[in-house]
N, C-alpha and C. Protein backbone atom coordinates (compact mmCIF):
# COMPACT_ATOMS: atom_id res chain seq x y z
N MET A 1 0.82 -1.19 0.00
CA MET A 1 0.00 0.00 0.00
C MET A 1 0.87 1.26 0.00
N LYS A 2 2.00 1.21 0.71
CA LYS A 2 2.87 2.38 0.80
C LYS A 2 3.43 2.75 -0.58
N SER A 3 3.86 1.77 -1.39
CA SER A 3 4.41 2.09 -2.70
C SER A 3 3.33 2.67 -3.62
N TRP A 4 2.06 2.25 -3.44
CA TRP A 4 0.96 2.82 -4.23
C TRP A 4 0.79 4.29 -3.90
N SER A 5 0.89 4.66 -2.64
CA SER A 5 0.76 6.06 -2.23
C SER A 5 1.92 6.89 -2.76
N SER A 6 3.12 6.34 -2.72
CA SER A 6 4.29 7.04 -3.26
C SER A 6 4.14 7.24 -4.76
N ALA A 7 3.65 6.23 -5.44
CA ALA A 7 3.46 6.34 -6.89
C ALA A 7 2.43 7.42 -7.20
N ASN A 8 1.35 7.49 -6.42
CA ASN A 8 0.34 8.53 -6.63
C ASN A 8 0.92 9.92 -6.39
N LEU A 9 1.74 10.05 -5.36
CA LEU A 9 2.36 11.33 -5.05
C LEU A 9 3.28 11.77 -6.19
N VAL A 10 4.12 10.85 -6.66
CA VAL A 10 5.03 11.16 -7.76
C VAL A 10 4.24 11.54 -9.01
N MET A 11 3.19 10.78 -9.31
CA MET A 11 2.36 11.06 -10.48
C MET A 11 1.68 12.43 -10.35
N GLY A 12 1.21 12.75 -9.16
CA GLY A 12 0.56 14.05 -8.94
C GLY A 12 1.53 15.20 -9.13
N ILE A 13 2.74 15.06 -8.61
CA ILE A 13 3.76 16.10 -8.77
C ILE A 13 4.12 16.25 -10.24
N LEU A 14 4.29 15.13 -10.93
CA LEU A 14 4.62 15.16 -12.35
C LEU A 14 3.53 15.87 -13.15
N MET A 15 2.28 15.56 -12.85
CA MET A 15 1.16 16.19 -13.55
C MET A 15 1.14 17.70 -13.29
N LEU A 16 1.41 18.11 -12.04
CA LEU A 16 1.44 19.53 -11.69
C LEU A 16 2.54 20.25 -12.46
N VAL A 17 3.72 19.64 -12.52
CA VAL A 17 4.83 20.23 -13.25
C VAL A 17 4.48 20.38 -14.73
N LEU A 18 3.93 19.33 -15.33
CA LEU A 18 3.57 19.38 -16.75
C LEU A 18 2.49 20.41 -17.03
N MET A 19 1.53 20.54 -16.13
CA MET A 19 0.44 21.50 -16.35
C MET A 19 0.92 22.94 -16.24
N THR A 20 1.91 23.20 -15.39
CA THR A 20 2.39 24.58 -15.22
C THR A 20 3.54 24.91 -16.16
N ALA A 21 4.11 23.92 -16.83
CA ALA A 21 5.26 24.17 -17.70
C ALA A 21 4.93 25.11 -18.84
N GLY A 22 3.71 25.09 -19.31
CA GLY A 22 3.33 25.95 -20.42
C GLY A 22 2.92 27.34 -20.02
N CYS A 23 2.95 27.66 -18.75
CA CYS A 23 2.51 28.98 -18.29
C CYS A 23 3.65 29.97 -18.41
N THR A 24 3.60 30.81 -19.46
CA THR A 24 4.61 31.85 -19.65
C THR A 24 3.89 33.13 -20.02
N SER A 25 4.65 34.19 -20.13
CA SER A 25 4.06 35.47 -20.50
C SER A 25 3.82 35.57 -22.00
N ALA A 26 4.36 34.65 -22.78
CA ALA A 26 4.19 34.69 -24.23
C ALA A 26 2.95 33.92 -24.64
N GLU A 27 2.36 34.37 -25.74
CA GLU A 27 1.23 33.64 -26.30
C GLU A 27 1.76 32.34 -26.91
N PRO A 28 0.93 31.32 -27.04
CA PRO A 28 1.39 30.08 -27.66
C PRO A 28 1.93 30.35 -29.06
N GLY A 29 3.11 29.82 -29.32
CA GLY A 29 3.72 29.99 -30.62
C GLY A 29 4.31 31.37 -30.85
N ASP A 30 4.32 32.22 -29.83
CA ASP A 30 4.83 33.58 -29.97
C ASP A 30 6.24 33.65 -29.40
N PRO A 31 7.25 33.90 -30.25
CA PRO A 31 8.62 33.96 -29.74
C PRO A 31 8.90 35.22 -28.93
N LEU A 32 7.97 36.17 -28.94
CA LEU A 32 8.15 37.41 -28.19
C LEU A 32 7.32 37.37 -26.93
N GLY A 33 7.87 37.81 -25.83
CA GLY A 33 7.13 37.87 -24.58
C GLY A 33 6.31 39.15 -24.51
N SER A 34 5.74 39.41 -23.35
CA SER A 34 4.87 40.58 -23.18
C SER A 34 5.65 41.89 -23.34
N GLU A 35 6.96 41.86 -23.13
CA GLU A 35 7.77 43.07 -23.30
C GLU A 35 8.16 43.29 -24.75
N GLY A 36 7.81 42.37 -25.66
CA GLY A 36 8.13 42.53 -27.07
C GLY A 36 9.58 42.23 -27.40
N VAL A 37 10.24 41.45 -26.58
CA VAL A 37 11.62 41.07 -26.86
C VAL A 37 11.68 39.56 -27.02
N PHE A 38 12.69 39.10 -27.78
CA PHE A 38 12.84 37.67 -27.97
C PHE A 38 13.18 36.99 -26.66
N GLN A 39 12.66 35.80 -26.49
CA GLN A 39 12.97 34.99 -25.32
C GLN A 39 14.07 34.02 -25.68
N GLY A 40 14.92 33.69 -24.74
CA GLY A 40 15.96 32.71 -25.00
C GLY A 40 17.28 33.16 -24.41
N VAL A 41 18.32 32.49 -24.81
CA VAL A 41 19.66 32.77 -24.31
C VAL A 41 20.31 33.81 -25.22
N GLU A 42 20.82 34.86 -24.62
CA GLU A 42 21.51 35.89 -25.39
C GLU A 42 22.95 35.46 -25.60
N VAL A 43 23.39 35.52 -26.84
CA VAL A 43 24.77 35.20 -27.17
C VAL A 43 25.50 36.52 -27.32
N PRO A 44 26.38 36.85 -26.35
CA PRO A 44 27.02 38.17 -26.37
C PRO A 44 27.93 38.40 -27.58
N GLU A 45 28.62 37.39 -28.01
CA GLU A 45 29.54 37.51 -29.13
C GLU A 45 29.25 36.38 -30.11
N PRO A 46 28.86 36.70 -31.34
CA PRO A 46 28.57 35.62 -32.29
C PRO A 46 29.82 34.80 -32.59
N SER A 47 29.62 33.55 -32.90
CA SER A 47 30.74 32.68 -33.27
C SER A 47 31.30 33.15 -34.61
N PRO A 48 32.61 33.05 -34.78
CA PRO A 48 33.17 33.40 -36.09
C PRO A 48 32.66 32.41 -37.14
N LYS A 49 32.45 32.90 -38.34
CA LYS A 49 31.95 32.02 -39.40
C LYS A 49 33.06 31.09 -39.85
N PRO A 50 32.75 29.80 -39.91
CA PRO A 50 33.76 28.84 -40.36
C PRO A 50 33.97 28.94 -41.87
N SER A 51 35.11 28.47 -42.30
CA SER A 51 35.42 28.48 -43.73
C SER A 51 35.30 27.05 -44.26
N PHE A 52 34.36 26.84 -45.17
CA PHE A 52 34.23 25.55 -45.85
C PHE A 52 33.47 25.76 -47.15
N VAL A 53 33.64 24.83 -48.07
CA VAL A 53 32.95 24.89 -49.36
C VAL A 53 32.18 23.59 -49.54
N LEU A 54 30.88 23.71 -49.81
CA LEU A 54 30.03 22.55 -50.11
C LEU A 54 29.30 22.83 -51.42
N THR A 55 28.41 21.95 -51.80
CA THR A 55 27.64 22.10 -53.04
C THR A 55 26.23 22.55 -52.72
N ASP A 56 25.76 23.61 -53.41
CA ASP A 56 24.40 24.08 -53.16
C ASP A 56 23.39 23.28 -53.99
N THR A 57 22.12 23.60 -53.84
CA THR A 57 21.08 22.81 -54.50
C THR A 57 21.03 23.01 -56.01
N ALA A 58 21.75 24.00 -56.52
CA ALA A 58 21.86 24.19 -57.97
C ALA A 58 23.05 23.41 -58.52
N GLY A 59 23.82 22.77 -57.62
CA GLY A 59 24.99 22.01 -58.03
C GLY A 59 26.26 22.83 -58.10
N ASP A 60 26.21 24.07 -57.61
CA ASP A 60 27.36 24.97 -57.65
C ASP A 60 28.11 24.96 -56.32
N PRO A 61 29.43 25.24 -56.37
CA PRO A 61 30.19 25.36 -55.12
C PRO A 61 29.68 26.55 -54.31
N TYR A 62 29.59 26.37 -53.01
CA TYR A 62 29.10 27.42 -52.11
C TYR A 62 30.15 27.62 -51.02
N ASP A 63 30.86 28.74 -51.10
CA ASP A 63 31.86 29.09 -50.09
C ASP A 63 31.12 29.78 -48.95
N PHE A 64 30.92 29.06 -47.86
CA PHE A 64 30.08 29.54 -46.77
C PHE A 64 30.52 30.89 -46.24
N ALA A 65 31.79 31.04 -45.89
CA ALA A 65 32.27 32.29 -45.30
C ALA A 65 32.10 33.46 -46.26
N ALA A 66 32.43 33.26 -47.53
CA ALA A 66 32.33 34.35 -48.51
C ALA A 66 30.87 34.69 -48.82
N ALA A 67 30.03 33.67 -48.98
CA ALA A 67 28.64 33.89 -49.37
C ALA A 67 27.81 34.54 -48.27
N THR A 68 28.21 34.35 -47.03
CA THR A 68 27.42 34.88 -45.91
C THR A 68 28.10 36.07 -45.23
N ASP A 69 29.19 36.54 -45.81
CA ASP A 69 29.92 37.66 -45.21
C ASP A 69 29.00 38.88 -45.05
N GLY A 70 28.97 39.43 -43.87
CA GLY A 70 28.18 40.63 -43.60
C GLY A 70 26.71 40.36 -43.34
N LYS A 71 26.30 39.10 -43.29
CA LYS A 71 24.89 38.76 -43.07
C LYS A 71 24.73 38.00 -41.76
N LEU A 72 23.62 38.25 -41.09
CA LEU A 72 23.25 37.40 -39.97
C LEU A 72 22.92 36.04 -40.57
N THR A 73 23.59 35.00 -40.11
CA THR A 73 23.42 33.68 -40.72
C THR A 73 23.04 32.65 -39.67
N LEU A 74 21.99 31.91 -39.97
CA LEU A 74 21.57 30.79 -39.14
C LEU A 74 21.98 29.53 -39.88
N LEU A 75 22.94 28.80 -39.32
CA LEU A 75 23.49 27.59 -39.94
C LEU A 75 22.97 26.39 -39.19
N TYR A 76 22.37 25.45 -39.93
CA TYR A 76 21.77 24.28 -39.30
C TYR A 76 22.20 23.01 -40.02
N PHE A 77 22.71 22.06 -39.25
CA PHE A 77 23.07 20.75 -39.78
C PHE A 77 21.90 19.81 -39.52
N GLY A 78 21.36 19.19 -40.55
CA GLY A 78 20.22 18.29 -40.40
C GLY A 78 20.12 17.38 -41.60
N TYR A 79 18.94 16.77 -41.78
CA TYR A 79 18.72 15.94 -42.96
C TYR A 79 17.23 15.84 -43.23
N THR A 80 16.88 15.61 -44.48
CA THR A 80 15.48 15.69 -44.90
C THR A 80 14.63 14.55 -44.38
N PHE A 81 15.22 13.44 -44.03
CA PHE A 81 14.47 12.28 -43.52
C PHE A 81 14.31 12.36 -42.00
N CYS A 82 14.84 13.40 -41.38
CA CYS A 82 14.77 13.59 -39.93
C CYS A 82 13.31 13.61 -39.48
N PRO A 83 12.96 12.75 -38.53
CA PRO A 83 11.55 12.63 -38.15
C PRO A 83 11.06 13.67 -37.15
N ASP A 84 11.95 14.41 -36.51
CA ASP A 84 11.47 15.26 -35.42
C ASP A 84 12.12 16.63 -35.35
N ILE A 85 13.32 16.73 -34.88
CA ILE A 85 13.88 18.03 -34.51
C ILE A 85 14.19 18.93 -35.72
N CYS A 86 14.60 18.37 -36.85
CA CYS A 86 14.93 19.20 -38.01
C CYS A 86 13.73 19.99 -38.52
N PRO A 87 12.60 19.34 -38.79
CA PRO A 87 11.46 20.14 -39.26
C PRO A 87 10.93 21.11 -38.20
N VAL A 88 11.05 20.75 -36.93
CA VAL A 88 10.60 21.65 -35.86
C VAL A 88 11.47 22.90 -35.83
N HIS A 89 12.80 22.71 -35.86
CA HIS A 89 13.70 23.87 -35.86
C HIS A 89 13.46 24.77 -37.07
N LEU A 90 13.36 24.17 -38.25
CA LEU A 90 13.16 24.98 -39.45
C LEU A 90 11.81 25.70 -39.42
N ALA A 91 10.79 25.05 -38.89
CA ALA A 91 9.48 25.71 -38.78
C ALA A 91 9.54 26.88 -37.80
N GLN A 92 10.27 26.71 -36.69
CA GLN A 92 10.41 27.80 -35.72
C GLN A 92 11.17 28.98 -36.32
N ILE A 93 12.25 28.68 -37.03
CA ILE A 93 13.02 29.74 -37.68
C ILE A 93 12.14 30.48 -38.68
N THR A 94 11.40 29.74 -39.48
CA THR A 94 10.51 30.34 -40.47
C THR A 94 9.45 31.21 -39.81
N SER A 95 8.88 30.73 -38.72
CA SER A 95 7.85 31.48 -38.01
C SER A 95 8.39 32.82 -37.50
N VAL A 96 9.55 32.79 -36.89
CA VAL A 96 10.15 34.03 -36.36
C VAL A 96 10.46 35.00 -37.50
N LEU A 97 11.05 34.50 -38.58
CA LEU A 97 11.40 35.39 -39.69
C LEU A 97 10.16 35.92 -40.40
N ASP A 98 9.12 35.10 -40.52
CA ASP A 98 7.87 35.57 -41.15
C ASP A 98 7.21 36.68 -40.34
N ARG A 99 7.39 36.67 -39.03
CA ARG A 99 6.78 37.69 -38.17
C ARG A 99 7.59 38.97 -38.11
N ASN A 100 8.79 38.93 -38.67
CA ASN A 100 9.67 40.10 -38.60
C ASN A 100 10.34 40.31 -39.96
N PRO A 101 9.64 40.90 -40.93
CA PRO A 101 10.20 41.07 -42.28
C PRO A 101 11.56 41.77 -42.34
N PRO A 102 11.82 42.83 -41.55
CA PRO A 102 13.16 43.43 -41.62
C PRO A 102 14.27 42.44 -41.20
N LEU A 103 13.98 41.62 -40.20
CA LEU A 103 14.95 40.61 -39.78
C LEU A 103 15.13 39.58 -40.89
N ARG A 104 14.04 39.17 -41.51
CA ARG A 104 14.09 38.18 -42.58
C ARG A 104 14.96 38.67 -43.74
N GLU A 105 14.82 39.95 -44.10
CA GLU A 105 15.58 40.51 -45.22
C GLU A 105 17.08 40.46 -44.99
N ASN A 106 17.50 40.50 -43.74
CA ASN A 106 18.92 40.56 -43.42
C ASN A 106 19.46 39.25 -42.85
N THR A 107 18.70 38.17 -42.98
CA THR A 107 19.11 36.89 -42.40
C THR A 107 19.23 35.83 -43.49
N GLU A 108 20.32 35.11 -43.46
CA GLU A 108 20.55 34.00 -44.38
C GLU A 108 20.40 32.71 -43.57
N VAL A 109 19.53 31.83 -44.03
CA VAL A 109 19.35 30.52 -43.39
C VAL A 109 20.03 29.49 -44.29
N VAL A 110 20.98 28.75 -43.71
CA VAL A 110 21.74 27.76 -44.46
C VAL A 110 21.55 26.40 -43.79
N PHE A 111 21.05 25.45 -44.57
CA PHE A 111 20.80 24.08 -44.11
C PHE A 111 21.86 23.17 -44.75
N VAL A 112 22.65 22.49 -43.91
CA VAL A 112 23.65 21.56 -44.40
C VAL A 112 23.16 20.15 -44.12
N SER A 113 22.95 19.37 -45.17
CA SER A 113 22.50 18.00 -44.98
C SER A 113 23.67 17.13 -44.52
N VAL A 114 23.43 16.33 -43.50
CA VAL A 114 24.44 15.40 -43.00
C VAL A 114 24.15 13.98 -43.48
N ASP A 115 23.30 13.86 -44.50
CA ASP A 115 22.91 12.55 -45.03
C ASP A 115 23.11 12.53 -46.55
N PRO A 116 24.38 12.47 -47.00
CA PRO A 116 24.63 12.52 -48.44
C PRO A 116 24.09 11.31 -49.20
N GLU A 117 23.79 10.23 -48.50
CA GLU A 117 23.24 9.05 -49.17
C GLU A 117 21.85 9.32 -49.74
N ARG A 118 20.99 9.97 -48.98
CA ARG A 118 19.60 10.19 -49.40
C ARG A 118 19.33 11.61 -49.87
N ASP A 119 20.12 12.56 -49.40
CA ASP A 119 19.82 13.97 -49.67
C ASP A 119 20.60 14.51 -50.87
N SER A 120 20.04 14.33 -52.04
CA SER A 120 20.61 14.93 -53.25
C SER A 120 20.26 16.42 -53.23
N PRO A 121 20.92 17.22 -54.06
CA PRO A 121 20.55 18.64 -54.11
C PRO A 121 19.06 18.85 -54.42
N GLU A 122 18.49 18.02 -55.28
CA GLU A 122 17.07 18.15 -55.63
C GLU A 122 16.17 17.84 -54.43
N VAL A 123 16.51 16.81 -53.68
CA VAL A 123 15.73 16.43 -52.50
C VAL A 123 15.80 17.54 -51.45
N ILE A 124 16.99 18.09 -51.25
CA ILE A 124 17.16 19.17 -50.27
C ILE A 124 16.34 20.40 -50.68
N ARG A 125 16.40 20.76 -51.97
CA ARG A 125 15.66 21.94 -52.43
C ARG A 125 14.16 21.77 -52.22
N GLU A 126 13.64 20.60 -52.56
CA GLU A 126 12.21 20.34 -52.37
C GLU A 126 11.84 20.43 -50.90
N TYR A 127 12.68 19.87 -50.03
CA TYR A 127 12.43 19.91 -48.59
C TYR A 127 12.42 21.35 -48.07
N LEU A 128 13.44 22.12 -48.42
CA LEU A 128 13.54 23.49 -47.94
C LEU A 128 12.44 24.39 -48.48
N ASN A 129 11.97 24.12 -49.69
CA ASN A 129 10.88 24.93 -50.26
C ASN A 129 9.62 24.83 -49.41
N GLY A 130 9.49 23.77 -48.63
CA GLY A 130 8.36 23.65 -47.72
C GLY A 130 8.42 24.67 -46.59
N PHE A 131 9.59 25.26 -46.38
CA PHE A 131 9.78 26.29 -45.35
C PHE A 131 9.96 27.66 -46.00
N SER A 132 10.90 27.74 -46.92
CA SER A 132 11.15 29.00 -47.64
C SER A 132 12.02 28.71 -48.86
N GLU A 133 11.67 29.31 -49.97
CA GLU A 133 12.47 29.17 -51.18
C GLU A 133 13.78 29.94 -51.07
N ASP A 134 13.89 30.80 -50.06
CA ASP A 134 15.11 31.60 -49.87
C ASP A 134 16.19 30.86 -49.10
N TYR A 135 15.85 29.77 -48.44
CA TYR A 135 16.84 29.05 -47.64
C TYR A 135 17.86 28.38 -48.57
N VAL A 136 19.11 28.41 -48.13
CA VAL A 136 20.20 27.80 -48.88
C VAL A 136 20.37 26.37 -48.38
N GLY A 137 20.44 25.43 -49.31
CA GLY A 137 20.67 24.03 -48.96
C GLY A 137 22.01 23.58 -49.48
N LEU A 138 22.76 22.88 -48.63
CA LEU A 138 24.10 22.43 -49.01
C LEU A 138 24.27 20.94 -48.75
N THR A 139 25.14 20.33 -49.54
CA THR A 139 25.50 18.94 -49.34
C THR A 139 26.95 18.75 -49.80
N GLY A 140 27.45 17.57 -49.61
CA GLY A 140 28.81 17.25 -50.03
C GLY A 140 29.11 15.80 -49.72
N SER A 141 30.33 15.42 -49.99
CA SER A 141 30.75 14.06 -49.65
C SER A 141 30.86 13.95 -48.13
N ALA A 142 30.95 12.73 -47.64
CA ALA A 142 31.09 12.53 -46.19
C ALA A 142 32.32 13.27 -45.67
N GLU A 143 33.40 13.25 -46.44
CA GLU A 143 34.63 13.94 -46.03
C GLU A 143 34.44 15.46 -46.00
N GLU A 144 33.77 16.00 -47.01
CA GLU A 144 33.51 17.45 -47.05
C GLU A 144 32.61 17.88 -45.89
N LEU A 145 31.61 17.06 -45.59
CA LEU A 145 30.71 17.37 -44.47
C LEU A 145 31.47 17.33 -43.14
N ARG A 146 32.34 16.36 -42.99
CA ARG A 146 33.14 16.26 -41.76
C ARG A 146 34.03 17.50 -41.61
N THR A 147 34.60 17.97 -42.71
CA THR A 147 35.43 19.18 -42.68
C THR A 147 34.60 20.38 -42.23
N ALA A 148 33.37 20.50 -42.74
CA ALA A 148 32.49 21.61 -42.35
C ALA A 148 32.13 21.51 -40.87
N GLU A 149 31.82 20.31 -40.40
CA GLU A 149 31.47 20.13 -38.98
C GLU A 149 32.65 20.47 -38.09
N GLU A 150 33.84 20.03 -38.48
CA GLU A 150 35.04 20.32 -37.70
C GLU A 150 35.35 21.82 -37.70
N ALA A 151 35.13 22.49 -38.83
CA ALA A 151 35.39 23.93 -38.91
C ALA A 151 34.50 24.70 -37.94
N LEU A 152 33.30 24.19 -37.71
CA LEU A 152 32.36 24.84 -36.79
C LEU A 152 32.53 24.34 -35.36
N GLY A 153 33.21 23.21 -35.20
CA GLY A 153 33.40 22.66 -33.86
C GLY A 153 32.20 21.90 -33.34
N VAL A 154 31.39 21.34 -34.25
CA VAL A 154 30.24 20.54 -33.83
C VAL A 154 30.59 19.07 -33.99
N PRO A 155 29.93 18.20 -33.22
CA PRO A 155 30.21 16.77 -33.35
C PRO A 155 29.90 16.26 -34.75
N THR A 156 30.70 15.33 -35.21
CA THR A 156 30.48 14.71 -36.50
C THR A 156 29.20 13.89 -36.46
N ALA A 157 28.40 14.00 -37.51
CA ALA A 157 27.15 13.23 -37.59
C ALA A 157 27.46 11.74 -37.60
N ILE A 158 26.61 10.97 -36.96
CA ILE A 158 26.76 9.52 -36.92
C ILE A 158 25.64 8.93 -37.76
N ILE A 159 26.02 8.31 -38.86
CA ILE A 159 25.03 7.74 -39.77
C ILE A 159 24.78 6.29 -39.37
N GLY A 160 23.50 5.95 -39.28
CA GLY A 160 23.10 4.59 -38.92
C GLY A 160 23.39 3.60 -40.03
N ASP A 161 22.89 2.39 -39.88
CA ASP A 161 23.07 1.31 -40.84
C ASP A 161 22.30 1.65 -42.11
N THR A 162 23.03 2.03 -43.17
CA THR A 162 22.38 2.48 -44.39
C THR A 162 21.73 1.35 -45.19
N SER A 163 21.93 0.11 -44.76
CA SER A 163 21.23 -0.99 -45.44
C SER A 163 19.74 -0.98 -45.07
N ASP A 164 19.40 -0.33 -43.96
CA ASP A 164 18.00 -0.15 -43.56
C ASP A 164 17.54 1.18 -44.17
N PRO A 165 16.54 1.18 -45.05
CA PRO A 165 16.14 2.43 -45.70
C PRO A 165 15.60 3.49 -44.74
N ASP A 166 15.25 3.10 -43.53
CA ASP A 166 14.73 4.05 -42.55
C ASP A 166 15.77 4.44 -41.50
N TYR A 167 17.07 4.35 -41.86
CA TYR A 167 18.11 4.66 -40.88
C TYR A 167 18.01 6.11 -40.44
N LEU A 168 18.48 6.36 -39.21
CA LEU A 168 18.49 7.71 -38.65
C LEU A 168 19.93 8.20 -38.59
N VAL A 169 20.08 9.51 -38.47
CA VAL A 169 21.40 10.12 -38.39
C VAL A 169 21.46 10.92 -37.10
N GLY A 170 22.45 10.63 -36.27
CA GLY A 170 22.67 11.42 -35.07
C GLY A 170 23.48 12.65 -35.44
N HIS A 171 22.99 13.84 -35.12
CA HIS A 171 23.67 15.08 -35.50
C HIS A 171 23.42 16.16 -34.46
N THR A 172 24.21 17.21 -34.52
CA THR A 172 24.02 18.33 -33.61
C THR A 172 22.67 18.99 -33.91
N SER A 173 22.06 19.55 -32.89
CA SER A 173 20.78 20.24 -33.11
C SER A 173 20.93 21.74 -32.85
N GLN A 174 22.16 22.21 -32.75
CA GLN A 174 22.40 23.63 -32.53
C GLN A 174 22.17 24.41 -33.81
N VAL A 175 21.70 25.63 -33.67
CA VAL A 175 21.56 26.54 -34.82
C VAL A 175 22.61 27.61 -34.66
């Protein structure tokens, strides 16, 4: 009987935490709080842009540092078959930029696929068009992708067993 009471107590506390977790000053889906400022962690000094060259969705070389020089750039490593975090991050980025046209005009969003087996330039372009036709999509060989990841200091993507068509890729989720 005692363990049943403990389980009920734990369940009650968990339910209370979950019910209050959504209580914030921002409206649902609103990245701005009641003061009209973005919520989140402030990065005092932006990271220096890494130098690497990959292939864009038109099949042309894309020198990341040169192409994004002077622009606010959101760089995201992901893949089009990603079942969860990739589409969520891209949808959130799109939502924020759509709500702030001046910010959108001065922001470059660059998506680097970490799945060269499945993500051809055409597949990446079709995927990104679901968010914005302005987003830049990049791919490359496994070696080129590793060089880009190392230049940024993010962990190298871990590709699952590619003999299974539904394999997943472990990758950084930082933007």
